[in-house]
PDB file of N, CA and C in Angstrom:
ATOM      1  N   MET A   1     -32.714 -16.510 160.263  1.00  0.00           N
ATOM      2  CA  MET A   1     -33.282 -17.841 160.266  1.00  0.00           C
ATOM      3  C   MET A   1     -32.319 -18.763 161.012  1.00  0.00           C
ATOM      4  N   LEU A   2     -32.869 -19.485 161.948  1.00  0.00           N
ATOM      5  CA  LEU A   2     -32.070 -20.348 162.810  1.00  0.00           C
ATOM      6  C   LEU A   2     -31.310 -21.409 162.017  1.00  0.00           C
ATOM      7  N   SER A   3     -31.968 -22.057 161.081  1.00  0.00           N
ATOM      8  CA  SER A   3     -31.298 -23.120 160.336  1.00  0.00           C
ATOM      9  C   SER A   3     -30.115 -22.580 159.533  1.00  0.00           C
ATOM     10  N   ARG A   4     -30.260 -21.381 159.002  1.00  0.00           N
ATOM     11  CA  ARG A   4     -29.151 -20.782 158.239  1.00  0.00           C
ATOM     12  C   ARG A   4     -27.973 -20.484 159.159  1.00  0.00           C
ATOM     13  N   GLU A   5     -28.254 -19.935 160.338  1.00  0.00           N
ATOM     14  CA  GLU A   5     -27.188 -19.632 161.292  1.00  0.00           C
ATOM     15  C   GLU A   5     -26.455 -20.899 161.719  1.00  0.00           C
ATOM     16  N   LEU A   6     -27.214 -21.941 162.030  1.00  0.00           N
ATOM     17  CA  LEU A   6     -26.591 -23.190 162.441  1.00  0.00           C
ATOM     18  C   LEU A   6     -25.819 -23.841 161.301  1.00  0.00           C
ATOM     19  N   SER A   7     -26.348 -23.738 160.081  1.00  0.00           N
ATOM     20  CA  SER A   7     -25.641 -24.341 158.950  1.00  0.00           C
ATOM     21  C   SER A   7     -24.316 -23.639 158.707  1.00  0.00           C
ATOM     22  N   GLN A   8     -24.289 -22.334 158.920  1.00  0.00           N
ATOM     23  CA  GLN A   8     -23.037 -21.595 158.761  1.00  0.00           C
ATOM     24  C   GLN A   8     -22.066 -21.925 159.888  1.00  0.00           C
ATOM     25  N   LEU A   9     -22.596 -22.026 161.099  1.00  0.00           N
ATOM     26  CA  LEU A   9     -21.757 -22.328 162.257  1.00  0.00           C
ATOM     27  C   LEU A   9     -21.086 -23.688 162.123  1.00  0.00           C
ATOM     28  N   TYR A  10     -21.848 -24.699 161.673  1.00  0.00           N
ATOM     29  CA  TYR A  10     -21.319 -26.063 161.582  1.00  0.00           C
ATOM     30  C   TYR A  10     -20.917 -26.447 160.163  1.00  0.00           C
ATOM     31  N   ASP A  11     -20.989 -25.476 159.229  1.00  0.00           N
ATOM     32  CA  ASP A  11     -20.592 -25.695 157.844  1.00  0.00           C
ATOM     33  C   ASP A  11     -21.250 -26.958 157.272  1.00  0.00           C
ATOM     34  N   CYS A  12     -22.570 -26.974 157.328  1.00  0.00           N
ATOM     35  CA  CYS A  12     -23.298 -28.112 156.788  1.00  0.00           C
ATOM     36  C   CYS A  12     -24.510 -27.629 156.002  1.00  0.00           C
ATOM     37  N   SER A  13     -25.094 -28.502 155.278  1.00  0.00           N
ATOM     38  CA  SER A  13     -26.237 -28.191 154.432  1.00  0.00           C
ATOM     39  C   SER A  13     -27.487 -27.955 155.258  1.00  0.00           C
ATOM     40  N   ILE A  14     -28.285 -26.996 154.851  1.00  0.00           N
ATOM     41  CA  ILE A  14     -29.546 -26.737 155.534  1.00  0.00           C
ATOM     42  C   ILE A  14     -30.486 -27.924 155.370  1.00  0.00           C
ATOM     43  N   LEU A  15     -30.462 -28.591 154.242  1.00  0.00           N
ATOM     44  CA  LEU A  15     -31.366 -29.709 153.995  1.00  0.00           C
ATOM     45  C   LEU A  15     -31.168 -30.846 154.991  1.00  0.00           C
ATOM     46  N   ASN A  16     -29.948 -31.052 155.447  1.00  0.00           N
ATOM     47  CA  ASN A  16     -29.652 -32.141 156.370  1.00  0.00           C
ATOM     48  C   ASN A  16     -29.697 -31.712 157.832  1.00  0.00           C
ATOM     49  N   LEU A  17     -29.733 -30.435 158.074  1.00  0.00           N
ATOM     50  CA  LEU A  17     -29.583 -29.916 159.415  1.00  0.00           C
ATOM     51  C   LEU A  17     -30.732 -30.320 160.342  1.00  0.00           C
ATOM     52  N   ASP A  18     -31.968 -30.253 159.870  1.00  0.00           N
ATOM     53  CA  ASP A  18     -33.105 -30.599 160.732  1.00  0.00           C
ATOM     54  C   ASP A  18     -32.994 -32.018 161.271  1.00  0.00           C
ATOM     55  N   GLN A  19     -32.669 -32.968 160.406  1.00  0.00           N
ATOM     56  CA  GLN A  19     -32.559 -34.357 160.854  1.00  0.00           C
ATOM     57  C   GLN A  19     -31.386 -34.533 161.814  1.00  0.00           C
ATOM     58  N   ILE A  20     -30.298 -33.829 161.581  1.00  0.00           N
ATOM     59  CA  ILE A  20     -29.141 -33.919 162.485  1.00  0.00           C
ATOM     60  C   ILE A  20     -29.520 -33.408 163.867  1.00  0.00           C
ATOM     61  N   ILE A  21     -30.222 -32.288 163.911  1.00  0.00           N
ATOM     62  CA  ILE A  21     -30.630 -31.720 165.196  1.00  0.00           C
ATOM     63  C   ILE A  21     -31.592 -32.657 165.912  1.00  0.00           C
ATOM     64  N   ILE A  22     -32.571 -33.170 165.197  1.00  0.00           N
ATOM     65  CA  ILE A  22     -33.545 -34.083 165.806  1.00  0.00           C
ATOM     66  C   ILE A  22     -32.848 -35.311 166.371  1.00  0.00           C
ATOM     67  N   GLU A  23     -31.947 -35.902 165.617  1.00  0.00           N
ATOM     68  CA  GLU A  23     -31.236 -37.092 166.093  1.00  0.00           C
ATOM     69  C   GLU A  23     -30.354 -36.767 167.293  1.00  0.00           C
ATOM     70  N   ALA A  24     -29.702 -35.617 167.260  1.00  0.00           N
ATOM     71  CA  ALA A  24     -28.825 -35.241 168.376  1.00  0.00           C
ATOM     72  C   ALA A  24     -29.623 -34.993 169.641  1.00  0.00           C
ATOM     73  N   ILE A  25     -30.740 -34.316 169.508  1.00  0.00           N
ATOM     74  CA  ILE A  25     -31.555 -34.001 170.676  1.00  0.00           C
ATOM     75  C   ILE A  25     -32.215 -35.255 171.235  1.00  0.00           C
ATOM     76  N   ASP A  26     -32.658 -36.154 170.357  1.00  0.00           N
ATOM     77  CA  ASP A  26     -33.339 -37.369 170.794  1.00  0.00           C
ATOM     78  C   ASP A  26     -32.390 -38.451 171.297  1.00  0.00           C
ATOM     79  N   SER A  27     -31.117 -38.264 171.110  1.00  0.00           N
ATOM     80  CA  SER A  27     -30.144 -39.271 171.509  1.00  0.00           C
ATOM     81  C   SER A  27     -30.164 -39.485 173.024  1.00  0.00           C
ATOM     82  N   SER A  28     -30.034 -40.732 173.442  1.00  0.00           N
ATOM     83  CA  SER A  28     -30.007 -41.026 174.883  1.00  0.00           C
ATOM     84  C   SER A  28     -28.705 -40.537 175.512  1.00  0.00           C
ATOM     85  N   GLN A  29     -27.664 -40.381 174.703  1.00  0.00           N
ATOM     86  CA  GLN A  29     -26.372 -39.891 175.191  1.00  0.00           C
ATOM     87  C   GLN A  29     -26.124 -38.514 174.581  1.00  0.00           C
ATOM     88  N   ARG A  30     -26.757 -37.538 175.145  1.00  0.00           N
ATOM     89  CA  ARG A  30     -26.632 -36.179 174.606  1.00  0.00           C
ATOM     90  C   ARG A  30     -25.218 -35.655 174.772  1.00  0.00           C
ATOM     91  N   SER A  31     -24.663 -35.216 173.682  1.00  0.00           N
ATOM     92  CA  SER A  31     -23.345 -34.606 173.727  1.00  0.00           C
ATOM     93  C   SER A  31     -23.491 -33.126 174.055  1.00  0.00           C
ATOM     94  N   GLU A  32     -22.382 -32.482 174.253  1.00  0.00           N
ATOM     95  CA  GLU A  32     -22.394 -31.030 174.491  1.00  0.00           C
ATOM     96  C   GLU A  32     -23.030 -30.316 173.307  1.00  0.00           C
ATOM     97  N   TYR A  33     -22.738 -30.778 172.086  1.00  0.00           N
ATOM     98  CA  TYR A  33     -23.284 -30.146 170.894  1.00  0.00           C
ATOM     99  C   TYR A  33     -24.794 -30.347 170.797  1.00  0.00           C
ATOM    100  N   ALA A  34     -25.260 -31.504 171.198  1.00  0.00           N
ATOM    101  CA  ALA A  34     -26.701 -31.756 171.192  1.00  0.00           C
ATOM    102  C   ALA A  34     -27.398 -30.857 172.194  1.00  0.00           C
ATOM    103  N   GLN A  35     -26.791 -30.691 173.344  1.00  0.00           N
ATOM    104  CA  GLN A  35     -27.373 -29.806 174.353  1.00  0.00           C
ATOM    105  C   GLN A  35     -27.389 -28.364 173.868  1.00  0.00           C
ATOM    106  N   ARG A  36     -26.329 -27.951 173.182  1.00  0.00           N
ATOM    107  CA  ARG A  36     -26.284 -26.592 172.630  1.00  0.00           C
ATOM    108  C   ARG A  36     -27.323 -26.420 171.524  1.00  0.00           C
ATOM    109  N   ALA A  37     -27.496 -27.428 170.689  1.00  0.00           N
ATOM    110  CA  ALA A  37     -28.512 -27.362 169.630  1.00  0.00           C
ATOM    111  C   ALA A  37     -29.898 -27.266 170.244  1.00  0.00           C
ATOM    112  N   TYR A  38     -30.137 -28.084 171.268  1.00  0.00           N
ATOM    113  CA  TYR A  38     -31.431 -28.044 171.958  1.00  0.00           C
ATOM    114  C   TYR A  38     -31.677 -26.660 172.551  1.00  0.00           C
ATOM    115  N   GLN A  39     -30.682 -26.119 173.234  1.00  0.00           N
ATOM    116  CA  GLN A  39     -30.837 -24.815 173.876  1.00  0.00           C
ATOM    117  C   GLN A  39     -31.049 -23.717 172.843  1.00  0.00           C
ATOM    118  N   THR A  40     -30.329 -23.788 171.727  1.00  0.00           N
ATOM    119  CA  THR A  40     -30.492 -22.799 170.660  1.00  0.00           C
ATOM    120  C   THR A  40     -31.897 -22.845 170.088  1.00  0.00           C
ATOM    121  N   CYS A  41     -32.396 -24.041 169.840  1.00  0.00           N
ATOM    122  CA  CYS A  41     -33.760 -24.187 169.325  1.00  0.00           C
ATOM    123  C   CYS A  41     -34.784 -23.703 170.344  1.00  0.00           C
ATOM    124  N   ARG A  42     -34.566 -24.035 171.588  1.00  0.00           N
ATOM    125  CA  ARG A  42     -35.479 -23.605 172.642  1.00  0.00           C
ATOM    126  C   ARG A  42     -35.498 -22.089 172.773  1.00  0.00           C
ATOM    127  N   ASP A  43     -34.311 -21.466 172.753  1.00  0.00           N
ATOM    128  CA  ASP A  43     -34.232 -20.012 172.850  1.00  0.00           C
ATOM    129  C   ASP A  43     -34.928 -19.343 171.665  1.00  0.00           C
ATOM    130  N   ALA A  44     -34.723 -19.892 170.473  1.00  0.00           N
ATOM    131  CA  ALA A  44     -35.354 -19.331 169.276  1.00  0.00           C
ATOM    132  C   ALA A  44     -36.874 -19.454 169.352  1.00  0.00           C
ATOM    133  N   THR A  45     -37.348 -20.577 169.876  1.00  0.00           N
ATOM    134  CA  THR A  45     -38.793 -20.769 170.026  1.00  0.00           C
ATOM    135  C   THR A  45     -39.368 -19.783 171.028  1.00  0.00           C
ATOM    136  N   GLU A  46     -38.686 -19.615 172.148  1.00  0.00           N
ATOM    137  CA  GLU A  46     -39.156 -18.668 173.152  1.00  0.00           C
ATOM    138  C   GLU A  46     -39.170 -17.244 172.608  1.00  0.00           C
ATOM    139  N   LYS A  47     -38.131 -16.877 171.860  1.00  0.00           N
ATOM    140  CA  LYS A  47     -38.070 -15.546 171.265  1.00  0.00           C
ATOM    141  C   LYS A  47     -39.219 -15.354 170.268  1.00  0.00           C
ATOM    142  N   HIS A  48     -39.446 -16.354 169.441  1.00  0.00           N
ATOM    143  CA  HIS A  48     -40.524 -16.281 168.460  1.00  0.00           C
ATOM    144  C   HIS A  48     -41.880 -16.147 169.152  1.00  0.00           C
ATOM    145  N   ASN A  49     -42.111 -16.942 170.190  1.00  0.00           N
ATOM    146  CA  ASN A  49     -43.371 -16.880 170.922  1.00  0.00           C
ATOM    147  C   ASN A  49     -43.574 -15.516 171.557  1.00  0.00           C
ATOM    148  N   GLU A  50     -42.525 -14.947 172.125  1.00  0.00           N
ATOM    149  CA  GLU A  50     -42.621 -13.618 172.736  1.00  0.00           C
ATOM    150  C   GLU A  50     -42.919 -12.553 171.675  1.00  0.00           C
ATOM    151  N   GLU A  51     -42.277 -12.661 170.517  1.00  0.00           N
ATOM    152  CA  GLU A  51     -42.550 -11.715 169.438  1.00  0.00           C
ATOM    153  C   GLU A  51     -43.993 -11.827 168.967  1.00  0.00           C
ATOM    154  N   GLN A  52     -44.515 -13.042 168.903  1.00  0.00           N
ATOM    155  CA  GLN A  52     -45.910 -13.249 168.515  1.00  0.00           C
ATOM    156  C   GLN A  52     -46.860 -12.623 169.536  1.00  0.00           C
ATOM    157  N   ARG A  53     -46.581 -12.841 170.831  1.00  0.00           N
ATOM    158  CA  ARG A  53     -47.419 -12.252 171.877  1.00  0.00           C
ATOM    159  C   ARG A  53     -47.396 -10.732 171.796  1.00  0.00           C
ATOM    160  N   GLN A  54     -46.205 -10.167 171.573  1.00  0.00           N
ATOM    161  CA  GLN A  54     -46.082  -8.710 171.484  1.00  0.00           C
ATOM    162  C   GLN A  54     -46.820  -8.182 170.269  1.00  0.00           C
ATOM    163  N   ALA A  55     -46.736  -8.879 169.151  1.00  0.00           N
ATOM    164  CA  ALA A  55     -47.449  -8.460 167.947  1.00  0.00           C
ATOM    165  C   ALA A  55     -48.954  -8.480 168.169  1.00  0.00           C
ATOM    166  N   GLU A  56     -49.435  -9.492 168.883  1.00  0.00           N
ATOM    167  CA  GLU A  56     -50.860  -9.572 169.180  1.00  0.00           C
ATOM    168  C   GLU A  56     -51.287  -8.435 170.106  1.00  0.00           C
ATOM    169  N   LEU A  57     -50.456  -8.124 171.104  1.00  0.00           N
ATOM    170  CA  LEU A  57     -50.763  -7.004 171.995  1.00  0.00           C
ATOM    171  C   LEU A  57     -50.767  -5.686 171.235  1.00  0.00           C
ATOM    172  N   ASP A  58     -49.781  -5.513 170.367  1.00  0.00           N
ATOM    173  CA  ASP A  58     -49.708  -4.286 169.571  1.00  0.00           C
ATOM    174  C   ASP A  58     -50.928  -4.149 168.671  1.00  0.00           C
ATOM    175  N   ALA A  59     -51.377  -5.253 168.108  1.00  0.00           N
ATOM    176  CA  ALA A  59     -52.544  -5.224 167.218  1.00  0.00           C
ATOM    177  C   ALA A  59     -53.809  -4.880 167.996  1.00  0.00           C
ATOM    178  N   ASP A  60     -53.872  -5.293 169.255  1.00  0.00           N
ATOM    179  CA  ASP A  60     -55.040  -4.998 170.081  1.00  0.00           C
ATOM    180  C   ASP A  60     -55.092  -3.543 170.521  1.00  0.00           C
ATOM    181  N   HIS A  61     -53.944  -2.863 170.494  1.00  0.00           N
ATOM    182  CA  HIS A  61     -53.878  -1.486 170.988  1.00  0.00           C
ATOM    183  C   HIS A  61     -53.562  -0.478 169.895  1.00  0.00           C
ATOM    184  N   VAL A  62     -54.008  -0.741 168.713  1.00  0.00           N
ATOM    185  CA  VAL A  62     -53.788   0.192 167.614  1.00  0.00           C
ATOM    186  C   VAL A  62     -54.672   1.409 167.845  1.00  0.00           C
ATOM    187  N   ALA A  63     -54.081   2.596 167.699  1.00  0.00           N
ATOM    188  CA  ALA A  63     -54.848   3.830 167.885  1.00  0.00           C
ATOM    189  C   ALA A  63     -55.909   3.928 166.796  1.00  0.00           C
ATOM    190  N   PRO A  64     -57.104   4.379 167.157  1.00  0.00           N
ATOM    191  CA  PRO A  64     -58.160   4.504 166.153  1.00  0.00           C
ATOM    192  C   PRO A  64     -57.798   5.566 165.115  1.00  0.00           C
ATOM    193  N   LEU A  65     -58.212   5.327 163.911  1.00  0.00           N
ATOM    194  CA  LEU A  65     -57.960   6.278 162.837  1.00  0.00           C
ATOM    195  C   LEU A  65     -58.851   7.493 163.023  1.00  0.00           C
ATOM    196  N   GLN A  66     -58.294   8.646 162.793  1.00  0.00           N
ATOM    197  CA  GLN A  66     -59.089   9.856 162.856  1.00  0.00           C
ATOM    198  C   GLN A  66     -59.619  10.137 161.460  1.00  0.00           C
ATOM    199  N   THR A  67     -60.918  10.222 161.370  1.00  0.00           N
ATOM    200  CA  THR A  67     -61.529  10.501 160.082  1.00  0.00           C
ATOM    201  C   THR A  67     -62.277  11.819 160.167  1.00  0.00           C
ATOM    202  N   GLY A  68     -62.475  12.398 159.065  1.00  0.00           N
ATOM    203  CA  GLY A  68     -63.203  13.666 159.027  1.00  0.00           C
ATOM    204  C   GLY A  68     -62.746  14.487 157.849  1.00  0.00           C
ATOM    205  N   ILE A  69     -63.437  15.541 157.631  1.00  0.00           N
ATOM    206  CA  ILE A  69     -63.108  16.424 156.519  1.00  0.00           C
ATOM    207  C   ILE A  69     -62.476  17.679 157.100  1.00  0.00           C
ATOM    208  N   PHE A  70     -61.343  18.007 156.570  1.00  0.00           N
ATOM    209  CA  PHE A  70     -60.638  19.196 157.020  1.00  0.00           C
ATOM    210  C   PHE A  70     -60.665  20.234 155.910  1.00  0.00           C
ATOM    211  N   TRP A  71     -61.136  21.401 156.222  1.00  0.00           N
ATOM    212  CA  TRP A  71     -61.208  22.491 155.248  1.00  0.00           C
ATOM    213  C   TRP A  71     -60.047  23.434 155.477  1.00  0.00           C
ATOM    214  N   LEU A  72     -59.445  23.809 154.424  1.00  0.00           N
ATOM    215  CA  LEU A  72     -58.330  24.757 154.507  1.00  0.00           C
ATOM    216  C   LEU A  72     -58.790  26.141 154.193  1.00  0.00           C
TER     217      LEU A  72
END
């Protein structure tokens, strides 16, 4: 989870982290840390979107179940 990783990295509470990131990213004077937070969030979003697309593709190409009665 991205918020947990960032909270550990910056040693801060998860509850406050979202607002800190939003304020840092929205700031007119973006610091290096704000840019890194933005990039981390962007990378995580892109990764999540790609995983979703792959899951949808995998679901569309599920092999059909073989049914029938087999006698021994």
